[in-house]
């Protein structure tokens, strides 16, 4: 018997270089909680890992922190974190911010997808 089906919406944003300190923003268009976020890189990260921090309306969501590892990274590498903690609630009009610490080197375009489980 299949498990329960959930309505989800995935929002995406491109970060021009996750190896430099920068923040990207995503406007929220639905009500729910963030169940995961994933990143795909378009090149190899050098020197050190890049840490991504996700915030909702300026409040950091530490359980959704994501590390983009430089060891073994290459174009097409993906990273992700998911949770069943229903604590990262969002609603229309909220803003999700994703900030990189920029610790790595090399210019690495990064596409980020945030999945919201609708309620």
C-alpha atoms as a PDB file:
ATOM      1  CA  UNK A   1       0.000   0.000   0.000  1.00  0.00           C
ATOM      2  CA  UNK A   2       1.505   3.385  -0.997  1.00  0.00           C
ATOM      3  CA  UNK A   3       2.270   5.964   1.673  1.00  0.00           C
ATOM      4  CA  UNK A   4       0.470   9.288   2.033  1.00  0.00           C
ATOM      5  CA  UNK A   5       0.791  11.840  -0.739  1.00  0.00           C
ATOM      6  CA  UNK A   6       1.622  15.438   0.104  1.00  0.00           C
ATOM      7  CA  UNK A   7       1.166  18.555  -1.969  1.00  0.00           C
ATOM      8  CA  UNK A   8       4.511  20.270  -2.367  1.00  0.00           C
ATOM      9  CA  UNK A   9       5.872  23.310  -4.146  1.00  0.00           C
ATOM     10  CA  UNK A  10       9.535  23.713  -5.088  1.00  0.00           C
ATOM     11  CA  UNK A  11      11.044  27.170  -5.450  1.00  0.00           C
ATOM     12  CA  UNK A  12      14.405  27.660  -7.174  1.00  0.00           C
ATOM     13  CA  UNK A  13      16.999  30.396  -7.275  1.00  0.00           C
ATOM     14  CA  UNK A  14      20.472  30.761  -8.823  1.00  0.00           C
ATOM     15  CA  UNK A  15      23.428  32.009  -6.804  1.00  0.00           C
ATOM     16  CA  UNK A  16      26.059  33.425  -9.153  1.00  0.00           C
ATOM     17  CA  UNK A  17      28.976  32.271  -6.976  1.00  0.00           C
ATOM     18  CA  UNK A  18      28.580  30.248  -3.783  1.00  0.00           C
ATOM     19  CA  UNK A  19      32.331  30.615  -3.187  1.00  0.00           C
ATOM     20  CA  UNK A  20      31.861  34.306  -2.409  1.00  0.00           C
ATOM     21  CA  UNK A  21      29.853  35.660   0.496  1.00  0.00           C
ATOM     22  CA  UNK A  22      26.435  36.507  -0.923  1.00  0.00           C
ATOM     23  CA  UNK A  23      22.739  36.101  -0.231  1.00  0.00           C
ATOM     24  CA  UNK A  24      19.885  35.210  -2.572  1.00  0.00           C
ATOM     25  CA  UNK A  25      16.191  35.691  -1.839  1.00  0.00           C
ATOM     26  CA  UNK A  26      13.071  33.730  -2.738  1.00  0.00           C
ATOM     27  CA  UNK A  27       9.545  35.144  -2.294  1.00  0.00           C
ATOM     28  CA  UNK A  28       7.109  32.621  -0.830  1.00  0.00           C
ATOM     29  CA  UNK A  29       3.789  32.057  -2.618  1.00  0.00           C
ATOM     30  CA  UNK A  30       2.191  29.299  -0.531  1.00  0.00           C
ATOM     31  CA  UNK A  31       1.533  28.223   3.061  1.00  0.00           C
ATOM     32  CA  UNK A  32       3.437  25.268   4.502  1.00  0.00           C
ATOM     33  CA  UNK A  33       6.744  24.218   6.020  1.00  0.00           C
ATOM     34  CA  UNK A  34      10.137  23.755   4.431  1.00  0.00           C
ATOM     35  CA  UNK A  35      10.800  20.040   4.106  1.00  0.00           C
ATOM     36  CA  UNK A  36      14.097  20.208   2.214  1.00  0.00           C
ATOM     37  CA  UNK A  37      16.509  22.237   0.239  1.00  0.00           C
ATOM     38  CA  UNK A  38      19.023  21.069  -2.297  1.00  0.00           C
ATOM     39  CA  UNK A  39      21.851  22.605  -4.276  1.00  0.00           C
ATOM     40  CA  UNK A  40      23.562  21.682  -7.541  1.00  0.00           C
ATOM     41  CA  UNK A  41      26.885  23.236  -8.484  1.00  0.00           C
ATOM     42  CA  UNK A  42      28.190  24.083 -11.944  1.00  0.00           C
ATOM     43  CA  UNK A  43      31.883  23.653 -11.157  1.00  0.00           C
ATOM     44  CA  UNK A  44      34.409  22.411  -8.632  1.00  0.00           C
ATOM     45  CA  UNK A  45      34.690  24.201  -5.283  1.00  0.00           C
ATOM     46  CA  UNK A  46      38.290  24.807  -4.227  1.00  0.00           C
ATOM     47  CA  UNK A  47      40.107  25.311  -0.910  1.00  0.00           C
ATOM     48  CA  UNK A  48      37.246  24.880   1.597  1.00  0.00           C
ATOM     49  CA  UNK A  49      33.593  23.902   1.987  1.00  0.00           C
ATOM     50  CA  UNK A  50      30.894  26.519   1.374  1.00  0.00           C
ATOM     51  CA  UNK A  51      28.250  26.711   4.100  1.00  0.00           C
ATOM     52  CA  UNK A  52      24.720  27.769   3.149  1.00  0.00           C
ATOM     53  CA  UNK A  53      22.427  29.195   5.822  1.00  0.00           C
ATOM     54  CA  UNK A  54      18.675  29.380   5.226  1.00  0.00           C
ATOM     55  CA  UNK A  55      16.562  32.060   6.943  1.00  0.00           C
ATOM     56  CA  UNK A  56      12.873  32.893   6.936  1.00  0.00           C
ATOM     57  CA  UNK A  57      12.140  36.608   7.320  1.00  0.00           C
ATOM     58  CA  UNK A  58      15.586  37.058   8.875  1.00  0.00           C
ATOM     59  CA  UNK A  59      15.364  34.127  11.335  1.00  0.00           C
ATOM     60  CA  UNK A  60      18.022  31.457  10.727  1.00  0.00           C
ATOM     61  CA  UNK A  61      16.822  27.855  10.418  1.00  0.00           C
ATOM     62  CA  UNK A  62      19.878  26.013  11.771  1.00  0.00           C
ATOM     63  CA  UNK A  63      18.387  22.555  11.168  1.00  0.00           C
ATOM     64  CA  UNK A  64      18.389  23.356   7.440  1.00  0.00           C
ATOM     65  CA  UNK A  65      22.085  24.322   7.212  1.00  0.00           C
ATOM     66  CA  UNK A  66      23.732  22.881   4.115  1.00  0.00           C
ATOM     67  CA  UNK A  67      27.426  22.255   3.440  1.00  0.00           C
ATOM     68  CA  UNK A  68      28.746  22.229  -0.121  1.00  0.00           C
ATOM     69  CA  UNK A  69      31.845  20.045   0.222  1.00  0.00           C
ATOM     70  CA  UNK A  70      34.900  20.961  -1.829  1.00  0.00           C
ATOM     71  CA  UNK A  71      36.467  17.481  -1.596  1.00  0.00           C
ATOM     72  CA  UNK A  72      35.457  15.593  -4.717  1.00  0.00           C
ATOM     73  CA  UNK A  73      33.171  18.372  -5.955  1.00  0.00           C
ATOM     74  CA  UNK A  74      32.630  18.822  -9.682  1.00  0.00           C
ATOM     75  CA  UNK A  75      30.080  20.276 -12.053  1.00  0.00           C
ATOM     76  CA  UNK A  76      26.815  18.442 -11.431  1.00  0.00           C
ATOM     77  CA  UNK A  77      27.527  17.584  -7.788  1.00  0.00           C
ATOM     78  CA  UNK A  78      24.418  17.837  -5.622  1.00  0.00           C
ATOM     79  CA  UNK A  79      23.953  18.394  -1.911  1.00  0.00           C
ATOM     80  CA  UNK A  80      20.815  18.364   0.192  1.00  0.00           C
ATOM     81  CA  UNK A  81      19.205  18.395   3.575  1.00  0.00           C
ATOM     82  CA  UNK A  82      15.682  17.349   4.488  1.00  0.00           C
ATOM     83  CA  UNK A  83      13.677  17.338   7.672  1.00  0.00           C
ATOM     84  CA  UNK A  84      10.360  16.155   8.989  1.00  0.00           C
ATOM     85  CA  UNK A  85      10.472  18.853  11.678  1.00  0.00           C
ATOM     86  CA  UNK A  86       7.438  20.962  10.986  1.00  0.00           C
ATOM     87  CA  UNK A  87       8.991  24.100  12.446  1.00  0.00           C
ATOM     88  CA  UNK A  88      10.031  26.138   9.423  1.00  0.00           C
ATOM     89  CA  UNK A  89       6.594  27.507   8.551  1.00  0.00           C
ATOM     90  CA  UNK A  90       6.159  29.943   5.683  1.00  0.00           C
ATOM     91  CA  UNK A  91       3.211  31.786   4.209  1.00  0.00           C
ATOM     92  CA  UNK A  92       2.601  33.989   1.174  1.00  0.00           C
ATOM     93  CA  UNK A  93       4.563  37.211   1.512  1.00  0.00           C
ATOM     94  CA  UNK A  94       7.411  35.663   3.521  1.00  0.00           C
ATOM     95  CA  UNK A  95      10.960  35.762   2.183  1.00  0.00           C
ATOM     96  CA  UNK A  96      13.438  32.892   2.270  1.00  0.00           C
ATOM     97  CA  UNK A  97      17.074  34.024   2.264  1.00  0.00           C
ATOM     98  CA  UNK A  98      19.972  31.700   1.546  1.00  0.00           C
ATOM     99  CA  UNK A  99      23.426  32.996   2.429  1.00  0.00           C
ATOM    100  CA  UNK A 100      26.808  31.510   1.550  1.00  0.00           C
ATOM    101  CA  UNK A 101      29.807  32.033   3.806  1.00  0.00           C
ATOM    102  CA  UNK A 102      32.003  32.155   0.680  1.00  0.00           C
ATOM    103  CA  UNK A 103      34.768  30.069   2.243  1.00  0.00           C
ATOM    104  CA  UNK A 104      35.644  28.212  -0.943  1.00  0.00           C
ATOM    105  CA  UNK A 105      37.508  29.380  -3.993  1.00  0.00           C
ATOM    106  CA  UNK A 106      36.733  29.185  -7.716  1.00  0.00           C
ATOM    107  CA  UNK A 107      33.653  30.826  -9.167  1.00  0.00           C
ATOM    108  CA  UNK A 108      30.865  28.274  -8.702  1.00  0.00           C
ATOM    109  CA  UNK A 109      27.351  28.970  -9.959  1.00  0.00           C
ATOM    110  CA  UNK A 110      24.898  27.181  -7.678  1.00  0.00           C
ATOM    111  CA  UNK A 111      21.229  26.402  -8.247  1.00  0.00           C
ATOM    112  CA  UNK A 112      19.203  26.021  -5.057  1.00  0.00           C
ATOM    113  CA  UNK A 113      15.785  24.365  -4.719  1.00  0.00           C
ATOM    114  CA  UNK A 114      13.641  24.793  -1.610  1.00  0.00           C
ATOM    115  CA  UNK A 115      10.688  22.417  -1.197  1.00  0.00           C
ATOM    116  CA  UNK A 116       7.643  23.502   0.801  1.00  0.00           C
ATOM    117  CA  UNK A 117       5.155  20.917   2.007  1.00  0.00           C
ATOM    118  CA  UNK A 118       1.791  22.661   1.754  1.00  0.00           C
ATOM    119  CA  UNK A 119      -0.662  22.709   4.652  1.00  0.00           C
END
